[in-house]
Protein backbone atom coordinates (compact mmCIF):
# COMPACT_ATOMS: atom_id res chain seq x y z
CA MET A 1 -16.56 51.37 -4.13
CA ASN A 2 -15.84 49.65 -0.72
CA HIS A 3 -12.74 47.59 -0.19
CA ASN A 4 -15.13 44.72 -0.32
CA GLU A 5 -15.75 45.89 -3.27
CA GLU A 6 -13.71 46.66 -4.86
CA VAL A 7 -11.53 43.26 -3.93
CA ARG A 8 -14.41 41.22 -4.64
CA ASN A 9 -14.00 42.83 -7.65
CA GLU A 10 -10.23 41.81 -8.64
CA PHE A 11 -10.57 38.84 -7.67
CA GLN A 12 -13.57 37.02 -9.41
CA ASN A 13 -11.45 38.87 -12.16
CA TYR A 14 -8.30 37.06 -11.21
CA LEU A 15 -10.97 33.44 -11.02
CA LYS A 16 -11.61 34.72 -14.59
CA ASP A 17 -9.07 35.63 -16.64
CA ASN A 18 -5.94 32.80 -14.84
CA GLY A 19 -9.22 29.98 -14.90
CA VAL A 20 -8.51 30.01 -10.80
CA LYS A 21 -10.40 27.36 -8.60
CA MET A 22 -11.63 29.35 -5.75
CA GLY A 23 -10.89 26.21 -3.63
CA PHE A 24 -7.32 26.66 -5.00
CA VAL A 25 -7.53 30.20 -3.53
CA ALA A 26 -8.80 29.67 -0.43
CA SER A 27 -6.01 27.14 0.45
CA GLU A 28 -4.50 29.24 -0.13
CA ILE A 29 -5.28 32.23 1.77
CA GLY A 30 -5.88 30.57 4.32
CA ILE A 31 -9.17 31.63 4.39
CA PRO A 32 -12.66 28.47 4.18
CA LEU A 33 -13.99 27.69 1.33
CA ASN A 34 -17.51 28.24 2.07
CA SER A 35 -16.58 31.80 3.05
CA LEU A 36 -15.04 32.96 0.52
CA SER A 37 -17.88 32.08 -1.91
CA LYS A 38 -20.20 33.60 0.79
CA TRP A 39 -18.23 36.60 -0.27
CA ARG A 40 -17.67 35.63 -3.33
CA ASN A 41 -20.86 36.45 -4.29
CA SER A 42 -21.71 39.13 -1.24
CA TYR A 43 -24.13 37.28 0.69
CA PHE A 44 -21.85 38.86 3.12
CA ASP A 45 -18.66 41.38 3.63
CA PHE A 46 -14.82 40.69 5.15
CA ARG A 47 -13.30 43.04 7.93
CA ILE A 48 -10.49 43.77 7.10
CA ASP A 49 -8.32 41.88 7.73
CA LYS A 50 -9.69 39.19 5.52
CA LEU A 51 -9.26 41.72 2.57
CA ILE A 52 -5.34 42.30 3.22
CA MET A 53 -5.28 38.81 2.94
CA ILE A 54 -6.91 38.24 0.01
CA LYS A 55 -4.67 41.42 -1.91
CA LYS A 56 -1.53 40.31 -0.57
CA TYR A 57 -2.30 36.97 -2.23
CA LEU A 58 -3.53 39.35 -5.92
CA LYS A 59 -0.54 41.25 -5.42
CA GLU A 60 1.91 38.20 -5.22
CA LYS A 61 0.07 36.48 -8.14
CA ALA A 62 -0.12 39.59 -10.36
CA LYS A 63 3.88 39.11 -10.46
């Protein structure tokens, strides 16, 4: 599993488990909703800097 798949799975589980809307997360992270949606649906992979932003958000919310 590559980094994008790992973070993508964690992100999808977070949305499902917490009932959070992707648009809200996009605005919190600072990534355009359209880009986040395409990434979530595996149309493309993010560079490591965007993955770190998503991972930090998920880690922060897990507290």
